[in-house]
Amino acid sequence: MKYDNLINNIIEKKKISFIGDNIALNNEQINILNRYNIPYESCHSYQELIFFIEELLDSGVDDEELENVSTSLAECDYYKNYKK
């Protein structure tokens, strides 16, 4: 029983939500973006969302989780939008 809650928490963090037709985010990423009031719901591409994150990081915010979100989104953008 103790592990059921742990497993359910992990599953909930990794649940995917689609923002428009072009962006897929998991709940953990959404929580991090909400923490910094990044307007992910109005973004139309990964590149636009990455721009907001990088602008915040360049302003002096030091958050490894936010950097990881940016890296993950850049990977998603690459695999979705560029020919291999």
PDB file of N, CA and C in Angstrom:
ATOM      1  N   MET A   1       0.823  -1.214   0.000  1.00  0.00           N
ATOM      2  CA  MET A   1       0.000   0.000   0.000  1.00  0.00           C
ATOM      3  C   MET A   1       0.856   1.264   0.000  1.00  0.00           C
ATOM      4  N   LYS A   2       1.967   1.224   0.726  1.00  0.00           N
ATOM      5  CA  LYS A   2       2.842   2.379   0.820  1.00  0.00           C
ATOM      6  C   LYS A   2       3.372   2.786  -0.545  1.00  0.00           C
ATOM      7  N   TYR A   3       3.651   1.806  -1.390  1.00  0.00           N
ATOM      8  CA  TYR A   3       4.196   2.087  -2.713  1.00  0.00           C
ATOM      9  C   TYR A   3       3.140   2.550  -3.700  1.00  0.00           C
ATOM     10  N   ASP A   4       1.872   2.257  -3.433  1.00  0.00           N
ATOM     11  CA  ASP A   4       0.795   2.691  -4.324  1.00  0.00           C
ATOM     12  C   ASP A   4       0.767   4.214  -4.444  1.00  0.00           C
ATOM     13  N   ASN A   5       0.899   4.913  -3.314  1.00  0.00           N
ATOM     14  CA  ASN A   5       0.897   6.378  -3.347  1.00  0.00           C
ATOM     15  C   ASN A   5       2.101   6.906  -4.107  1.00  0.00           C
ATOM     16  N   LEU A   6       3.256   6.293  -3.905  1.00  0.00           N
ATOM     17  CA  LEU A   6       4.461   6.707  -4.606  1.00  0.00           C
ATOM     18  C   LEU A   6       4.300   6.521  -6.110  1.00  0.00           C
ATOM     19  N   ILE A   7       3.792   5.385  -6.508  1.00  0.00           N
ATOM     20  CA  ILE A   7       3.577   5.099  -7.929  1.00  0.00           C
ATOM     21  C   ILE A   7       2.553   6.053  -8.518  1.00  0.00           C
ATOM     22  N   ASN A   8       1.472   6.302  -7.801  1.00  0.00           N
ATOM     23  CA  ASN A   8       0.443   7.229  -8.291  1.00  0.00           C
ATOM     24  C   ASN A   8       0.988   8.645  -8.441  1.00  0.00           C
ATOM     25  N   ASN A   9       1.860   9.071  -7.510  1.00  0.00           N
ATOM     26  CA  ASN A   9       2.468  10.402  -7.607  1.00  0.00           C
ATOM     27  C   ASN A   9       3.367  10.506  -8.833  1.00  0.00           C
ATOM     28  N   ILE A  10       4.130   9.473  -9.097  1.00  0.00           N
ATOM     29  CA  ILE A  10       5.007   9.473 -10.267  1.00  0.00           C
ATOM     30  C   ILE A  10       4.179   9.514 -11.547  1.00  0.00           C
ATOM     31  N   ILE A  11       3.145   8.711 -11.607  1.00  0.00           N
ATOM     32  CA  ILE A  11       2.274   8.693 -12.789  1.00  0.00           C
ATOM     33  C   ILE A  11       1.631  10.056 -13.001  1.00  0.00           C
ATOM     34  N   GLU A  12       1.173  10.686 -11.926  1.00  0.00           N
ATOM     35  CA  GLU A  12       0.529  12.000 -12.044  1.00  0.00           C
ATOM     36  C   GLU A  12       1.516  13.056 -12.551  1.00  0.00           C
ATOM     37  N   LYS A  13       2.764  13.027 -12.090  1.00  0.00           N
ATOM     38  CA  LYS A  13       3.772  13.992 -12.536  1.00  0.00           C
ATOM     39  C   LYS A  13       4.071  13.849 -14.019  1.00  0.00           C
ATOM     40  N   LYS A  14       3.986  12.631 -14.527  1.00  0.00           N
ATOM     41  CA  LYS A  14       4.378  12.365 -15.912  1.00  0.00           C
ATOM     42  C   LYS A  14       3.199  12.400 -16.884  1.00  0.00           C
ATOM     43  N   LYS A  15       1.990  12.655 -16.379  1.00  0.00           N
ATOM     44  CA  LYS A  15       0.815  12.731 -17.239  1.00  0.00           C
ATOM     45  C   LYS A  15       0.970  13.879 -18.228  1.00  0.00           C
ATOM     46  N   ILE A  16       0.711  13.597 -19.490  1.00  0.00           N
ATOM     47  CA  ILE A  16       0.924  14.566 -20.563  1.00  0.00           C
ATOM     48  C   ILE A  16      -0.331  15.394 -20.824  1.00  0.00           C
ATOM     49  N   SER A  17      -0.115  16.692 -21.013  1.00  0.00           N
ATOM     50  CA  SER A  17      -1.176  17.597 -21.447  1.00  0.00           C
ATOM     51  C   SER A  17      -0.727  18.234 -22.754  1.00  0.00           C
ATOM     52  N   PHE A  18      -1.652  18.411 -23.659  1.00  0.00           N
ATOM     53  CA  PHE A  18      -1.331  19.037 -24.936  1.00  0.00           C
ATOM     54  C   PHE A  18      -1.779  20.492 -24.907  1.00  0.00           C
ATOM     55  N   ILE A  19      -0.853  21.371 -25.304  1.00  0.00           N
ATOM     56  CA  ILE A  19      -1.129  22.801 -25.363  1.00  0.00           C
ATOM     57  C   ILE A  19      -1.231  23.138 -26.840  1.00  0.00           C
ATOM     58  N   GLY A  20      -2.446  23.434 -27.276  1.00  0.00           N
ATOM     59  CA  GLY A  20      -2.660  23.654 -28.704  1.00  0.00           C
ATOM     60  C   GLY A  20      -2.332  22.385 -29.476  1.00  0.00           C
ATOM     61  N   ASP A  21      -1.871  22.547 -30.688  1.00  0.00           N
ATOM     62  CA  ASP A  21      -1.549  21.392 -31.525  1.00  0.00           C
ATOM     63  C   ASP A  21      -0.068  21.051 -31.513  1.00  0.00           C
ATOM     64  N   ASN A  22       0.746  21.912 -30.928  1.00  0.00           N
ATOM     65  CA  ASN A  22       2.183  21.777 -31.115  1.00  0.00           C
ATOM     66  C   ASN A  22       3.006  21.458 -29.881  1.00  0.00           C
ATOM     67  N   ILE A  23       2.450  21.597 -28.689  1.00  0.00           N
ATOM     68  CA  ILE A  23       3.253  21.451 -27.480  1.00  0.00           C
ATOM     69  C   ILE A  23       2.640  20.393 -26.570  1.00  0.00           C
ATOM     70  N   ALA A  24       3.497  19.494 -26.096  1.00  0.00           N
ATOM     71  CA  ALA A  24       3.098  18.493 -25.111  1.00  0.00           C
ATOM     72  C   ALA A  24       3.950  18.698 -23.860  1.00  0.00           C
ATOM     73  N   LEU A  25       3.299  18.851 -22.720  1.00  0.00           N
ATOM     74  CA  LEU A  25       3.996  19.055 -21.449  1.00  0.00           C
ATOM     75  C   LEU A  25       3.466  18.061 -20.427  1.00  0.00           C
ATOM     76  N   ASN A  26       4.359  17.595 -19.546  1.00  0.00           N
ATOM     77  CA  ASN A  26       3.855  16.765 -18.457  1.00  0.00           C
ATOM     78  C   ASN A  26       3.513  17.661 -17.267  1.00  0.00           C
ATOM     79  N   ASN A  27       2.804  17.103 -16.301  1.00  0.00           N
ATOM     80  CA  ASN A  27       2.340  17.900 -15.161  1.00  0.00           C
ATOM     81  C   ASN A  27       3.489  18.498 -14.362  1.00  0.00           C
ATOM     82  N   GLU A  28       4.591  17.786 -14.268  1.00  0.00           N
ATOM     83  CA  GLU A  28       5.744  18.303 -13.549  1.00  0.00           C
ATOM     84  C   GLU A  28       6.295  19.552 -14.243  1.00  0.00           C
ATOM     85  N   GLN A  29       6.385  19.526 -15.567  1.00  0.00           N
ATOM     86  CA  GLN A  29       6.841  20.701 -16.318  1.00  0.00           C
ATOM     87  C   GLN A  29       5.875  21.864 -16.146  1.00  0.00           C
ATOM     88  N   ILE A  30       4.592  21.574 -16.206  1.00  0.00           N
ATOM     89  CA  ILE A  30       3.572  22.617 -16.035  1.00  0.00           C
ATOM     90  C   ILE A  30       3.696  23.273 -14.664  1.00  0.00           C
ATOM     91  N   ASN A  31       3.911  22.476 -13.626  1.00  0.00           N
ATOM     92  CA  ASN A  31       4.067  23.037 -12.276  1.00  0.00           C
ATOM     93  C   ASN A  31       5.272  23.961 -12.191  1.00  0.00           C
ATOM     94  N   ILE A  32       6.373  23.579 -12.822  1.00  0.00           N
ATOM     95  CA  ILE A  32       7.576  24.412 -12.821  1.00  0.00           C
ATOM     96  C   ILE A  32       7.316  25.702 -13.585  1.00  0.00           C
ATOM     97  N   LEU A  33       6.671  25.621 -14.737  1.00  0.00           N
ATOM     98  CA  LEU A  33       6.355  26.817 -15.521  1.00  0.00           C
ATOM     99  C   LEU A  33       5.405  27.735 -14.757  1.00  0.00           C
ATOM    100  N   ASN A  34       4.431  27.159 -14.067  1.00  0.00           N
ATOM    101  CA  ASN A  34       3.499  27.959 -13.262  1.00  0.00           C
ATOM    102  C   ASN A  34       4.217  28.675 -12.124  1.00  0.00           C
ATOM    103  N   ARG A  35       5.226  28.029 -11.542  1.00  0.00           N
ATOM    104  CA  ARG A  35       5.988  28.619 -10.438  1.00  0.00           C
ATOM    105  C   ARG A  35       6.592  29.968 -10.861  1.00  0.00           C
ATOM    106  N   TYR A  36       6.947  30.083 -12.127  1.00  0.00           N
ATOM    107  CA  TYR A  36       7.567  31.307 -12.638  1.00  0.00           C
ATOM    108  C   TYR A  36       6.623  32.132 -13.516  1.00  0.00           C
ATOM    109  N   ASN A  37       5.357  31.793 -13.493  1.00  0.00           N
ATOM    110  CA  ASN A  37       4.348  32.522 -14.268  1.00  0.00           C
ATOM    111  C   ASN A  37       4.704  32.617 -15.746  1.00  0.00           C
ATOM    112  N   ILE A  38       5.236  31.548 -16.285  1.00  0.00           N
ATOM    113  CA  ILE A  38       5.555  31.506 -17.708  1.00  0.00           C
ATOM    114  C   ILE A  38       4.274  31.172 -18.465  1.00  0.00           C
ATOM    115  N   PRO A  39       3.899  31.998 -19.435  1.00  0.00           N
ATOM    116  CA  PRO A  39       2.603  31.843 -20.112  1.00  0.00           C
ATOM    117  C   PRO A  39       2.610  30.731 -21.174  1.00  0.00           C
ATOM    118  N   TYR A  40       2.801  29.496 -20.744  1.00  0.00           N
ATOM    119  CA  TYR A  40       2.897  28.371 -21.677  1.00  0.00           C
ATOM    120  C   TYR A  40       1.604  28.157 -22.457  1.00  0.00           C
ATOM    121  N   GLU A  41       0.472  28.517 -21.875  1.00  0.00           N
ATOM    122  CA  GLU A  41      -0.813  28.284 -22.540  1.00  0.00           C
ATOM    123  C   GLU A  41      -0.983  29.142 -23.792  1.00  0.00           C
ATOM    124  N   SER A  42      -0.266  30.256 -23.855  1.00  0.00           N
ATOM    125  CA  SER A  42      -0.397  31.139 -25.018  1.00  0.00           C
ATOM    126  C   SER A  42       0.686  30.884 -26.069  1.00  0.00           C
ATOM    127  N   CYS A  43       1.595  29.966 -25.795  1.00  0.00           N
ATOM    128  CA  CYS A  43       2.680  29.679 -26.736  1.00  0.00           C
ATOM    129  C   CYS A  43       2.185  28.772 -27.861  1.00  0.00           C
ATOM    130  N   HIS A  44       2.703  29.013 -29.052  1.00  0.00           N
ATOM    131  CA  HIS A  44       2.301  28.236 -30.223  1.00  0.00           C
ATOM    132  C   HIS A  44       3.368  27.259 -30.692  1.00  0.00           C
ATOM    133  N   SER A  45       4.540  27.313 -30.057  1.00  0.00           N
ATOM    134  CA  SER A  45       5.612  26.407 -30.452  1.00  0.00           C
ATOM    135  C   SER A  45       6.545  26.180 -29.274  1.00  0.00           C
ATOM    136  N   TYR A  46       7.313  25.107 -29.373  1.00  0.00           N
ATOM    137  CA  TYR A  46       8.340  24.857 -28.359  1.00  0.00           C
ATOM    138  C   TYR A  46       9.334  26.013 -28.325  1.00  0.00           C
ATOM    139  N   GLN A  47       9.681  26.523 -29.489  1.00  0.00           N
ATOM    140  CA  GLN A  47      10.665  27.607 -29.562  1.00  0.00           C
ATOM    141  C   GLN A  47      10.197  28.845 -28.802  1.00  0.00           C
ATOM    142  N   GLU A  48       8.931  29.160 -28.929  1.00  0.00           N
ATOM    143  CA  GLU A  48       8.382  30.319 -28.219  1.00  0.00           C
ATOM    144  C   GLU A  48       8.448  30.099 -26.705  1.00  0.00           C
ATOM    145  N   LEU A  49       8.092  28.907 -26.273  1.00  0.00           N
ATOM    146  CA  LEU A  49       8.126  28.580 -24.849  1.00  0.00           C
ATOM    147  C   LEU A  49       9.565  28.589 -24.329  1.00  0.00           C
ATOM    148  N   ILE A  50      10.477  28.032 -25.096  1.00  0.00           N
ATOM    149  CA  ILE A  50      11.891  28.036 -24.710  1.00  0.00           C
ATOM    150  C   ILE A  50      12.402  29.469 -24.590  1.00  0.00           C
ATOM    151  N   PHE A  51      11.964  30.346 -25.466  1.00  0.00           N
ATOM    152  CA  PHE A  51      12.367  31.755 -25.405  1.00  0.00           C
ATOM    153  C   PHE A  51      12.002  32.359 -24.051  1.00  0.00           C
ATOM    154  N   PHE A  52      10.776  32.139 -23.582  1.00  0.00           N
ATOM    155  CA  PHE A  52      10.353  32.673 -22.281  1.00  0.00           C
ATOM    156  C   PHE A  52      11.224  32.126 -21.149  1.00  0.00           C
ATOM    157  N   ILE A  53      11.511  30.825 -21.202  1.00  0.00           N
ATOM    158  CA  ILE A  53      12.321  30.205 -20.157  1.00  0.00           C
ATOM    159  C   ILE A  53      13.739  30.772 -20.176  1.00  0.00           C
ATOM    160  N   GLU A  54      14.335  30.826 -21.353  1.00  0.00           N
ATOM    161  CA  GLU A  54      15.712  31.315 -21.472  1.00  0.00           C
ATOM    162  C   GLU A  54      15.820  32.783 -21.074  1.00  0.00           C
ATOM    163  N   GLU A  55      14.804  33.563 -21.384  1.00  0.00           N
ATOM    164  CA  GLU A  55      14.794  34.967 -20.975  1.00  0.00           C
ATOM    165  C   GLU A  55      14.833  35.075 -19.455  1.00  0.00           C
ATOM    166  N   LEU A  56      14.077  34.230 -18.787  1.00  0.00           N
ATOM    167  CA  LEU A  56      14.048  34.205 -17.327  1.00  0.00           C
ATOM    168  C   LEU A  56      15.395  33.744 -16.763  1.00  0.00           C
ATOM    169  N   LEU A  57      15.957  32.696 -17.345  1.00  0.00           N
ATOM    170  CA  LEU A  57      17.256  32.199 -16.884  1.00  0.00           C
ATOM    171  C   LEU A  57      18.348  33.237 -17.107  1.00  0.00           C
ATOM    172  N   ASP A  58      18.286  33.948 -18.228  1.00  0.00           N
ATOM    173  CA  ASP A  58      19.273  34.990 -18.519  1.00  0.00           C
ATOM    174  C   ASP A  58      19.163  36.176 -17.561  1.00  0.00           C
ATOM    175  N   SER A  59      17.980  36.362 -16.975  1.00  0.00           N
ATOM    176  CA  SER A  59      17.788  37.482 -16.052  1.00  0.00           C
ATOM    177  C   SER A  59      18.361  37.186 -14.666  1.00  0.00           C
ATOM    178  N   GLY A  60      18.890  35.979 -14.480  1.00  0.00           N
ATOM    179  CA  GLY A  60      19.529  35.668 -13.202  1.00  0.00           C
ATOM    180  C   GLY A  60      18.853  34.588 -12.386  1.00  0.00           C
ATOM    181  N   VAL A  61      17.726  34.088 -12.843  1.00  0.00           N
ATOM    182  CA  VAL A  61      17.061  33.003 -12.122  1.00  0.00           C
ATOM    183  C   VAL A  61      17.933  31.757 -12.239  1.00  0.00           C
ATOM    184  N   ASP A  62      18.217  31.145 -11.105  1.00  0.00           N
ATOM    185  CA  ASP A  62      19.063  29.952 -11.083  1.00  0.00           C
ATOM    186  C   ASP A  62      18.227  28.788 -10.560  1.00  0.00           C
ATOM    187  N   ASP A  63      17.662  28.027 -11.472  1.00  0.00           N
ATOM    188  CA  ASP A  63      16.807  26.904 -11.101  1.00  0.00           C
ATOM    189  C   ASP A  63      17.115  25.734 -12.030  1.00  0.00           C
ATOM    190  N   GLU A  64      17.679  24.697 -11.466  1.00  0.00           N
ATOM    191  CA  GLU A  64      18.067  23.528 -12.260  1.00  0.00           C
ATOM    192  C   GLU A  64      16.848  22.861 -12.900  1.00  0.00           C
ATOM    193  N   GLU A  65      15.733  22.834 -12.186  1.00  0.00           N
ATOM    194  CA  GLU A  65      14.515  22.237 -12.752  1.00  0.00           C
ATOM    195  C   GLU A  65      14.061  23.008 -13.987  1.00  0.00           C
ATOM    196  N   LEU A  66      14.115  24.319 -13.931  1.00  0.00           N
ATOM    197  CA  LEU A  66      13.708  25.142 -15.069  1.00  0.00           C
ATOM    198  C   LEU A  66      14.667  24.932 -16.246  1.00  0.00           C
ATOM    199  N   GLU A  67      15.950  24.820 -15.960  1.00  0.00           N
ATOM    200  CA  GLU A  67      16.926  24.526 -17.009  1.00  0.00           C
ATOM    201  C   GLU A  67      16.644  23.163 -17.644  1.00  0.00           C
ATOM    202  N   ASN A  68      16.273  22.187 -16.819  1.00  0.00           N
ATOM    203  CA  ASN A  68      15.943  20.852 -17.334  1.00  0.00           C
ATOM    204  C   ASN A  68      14.706  20.883 -18.226  1.00  0.00           C
ATOM    205  N   VAL A  69      13.721  21.701 -17.869  1.00  0.00           N
ATOM    206  CA  VAL A  69      12.531  21.849 -18.708  1.00  0.00           C
ATOM    207  C   VAL A  69      12.934  22.425 -20.055  1.00  0.00           C
ATOM    208  N   SER A  70      13.777  23.439 -20.048  1.00  0.00           N
ATOM    209  CA  SER A  70      14.227  24.056 -21.290  1.00  0.00           C
ATOM    210  C   SER A  70      14.951  23.035 -22.172  1.00  0.00           C
ATOM    211  N   THR A  71      15.830  22.258 -21.587  1.00  0.00           N
ATOM    212  CA  THR A  71      16.566  21.235 -22.332  1.00  0.00           C
ATOM    213  C   THR A  71      15.624  20.181 -22.898  1.00  0.00           C
ATOM    214  N   SER A  72      14.682  19.750 -22.101  1.00  0.00           N
ATOM    215  CA  SER A  72      13.714  18.745 -22.540  1.00  0.00           C
ATOM    216  C   SER A  72      12.853  19.268 -23.692  1.00  0.00           C
ATOM    217  N   LEU A  73      12.425  20.515 -23.597  1.00  0.00           N
ATOM    218  CA  LEU A  73      11.609  21.107 -24.658  1.00  0.00           C
ATOM    219  C   LEU A  73      12.416  21.279 -25.938  1.00  0.00           C
ATOM    220  N   ALA A  74      13.694  21.621 -25.799  1.00  0.00           N
ATOM    221  CA  ALA A  74      14.558  21.748 -26.981  1.00  0.00           C
ATOM    222  C   ALA A  74      14.694  20.398 -27.683  1.00  0.00           C
ATOM    223  N   GLU A  75      14.803  19.324 -26.915  1.00  0.00           N
ATOM    224  CA  GLU A  75      14.868  17.984 -27.502  1.00  0.00           C
ATOM    225  C   GLU A  75      13.558  17.631 -28.209  1.00  0.00           C
ATOM    226  N   CYS A  76      12.429  17.945 -27.582  1.00  0.00           N
ATOM    227  CA  CYS A  76      11.126  17.687 -28.206  1.00  0.00           C
ATOM    228  C   CYS A  76      10.998  18.463 -29.509  1.00  0.00           C
ATOM    229  N   ASP A  77      11.412  19.717 -29.478  1.00  0.00           N
ATOM    230  CA  ASP A  77      11.358  20.556 -30.678  1.00  0.00           C
ATOM    231  C   ASP A  77      12.210  19.951 -31.780  1.00  0.00           C
ATOM    232  N   TYR A  78      13.397  19.516 -31.460  1.00  0.00           N
ATOM    233  CA  TYR A  78      14.290  18.933 -32.455  1.00  0.00           C
ATOM    234  C   TYR A  78      13.659  17.687 -33.093  1.00  0.00           C
ATOM    235  N   TYR A  79      13.168  16.769 -32.273  1.00  0.00           N
ATOM    236  CA  TYR A  79      12.621  15.526 -32.816  1.00  0.00           C
ATOM    237  C   TYR A  79      11.316  15.726 -33.552  1.00  0.00           C
ATOM    238  N   LYS A  80      10.574  16.769 -33.194  1.00  0.00           N
ATOM    239  CA  LYS A  80       9.291  17.024 -33.859  1.00  0.00           C
ATOM    240  C   LYS A  80       9.448  17.826 -35.141  1.00  0.00           C
ATOM    241  N   ASN A  81      10.374  18.755 -35.177  1.00  0.00           N
ATOM    242  CA  ASN A  81      10.383  19.748 -36.247  1.00  0.00           C
ATOM    243  C   ASN A  81      11.559  19.710 -37.207  1.00  0.00           C
ATOM    244  N   TYR A  82      12.512  18.841 -37.006  1.00  0.00           N
ATOM    245  CA  TYR A  82      13.686  18.843 -37.872  1.00  0.00           C
ATOM    246  C   TYR A  82      13.885  17.466 -38.502  1.00  0.00           C
ATOM    247  N   LYS A  83      14.205  17.471 -39.767  1.00  0.00           N
ATOM    248  CA  LYS A  83      14.445  16.204 -40.476  1.00  0.00           C
ATOM    249  C   LYS A  83      15.744  15.596 -39.978  1.00  0.00           C
ATOM    250  N   LYS A  84      15.717  14.312 -39.826  1.00  0.00           N
ATOM    251  CA  LYS A  84      16.909  13.601 -39.368  1.00  0.00           C
ATOM    252  C   LYS A  84      17.606  12.961 -40.520  1.00  0.00           C
TER     253      LYS A  84
END
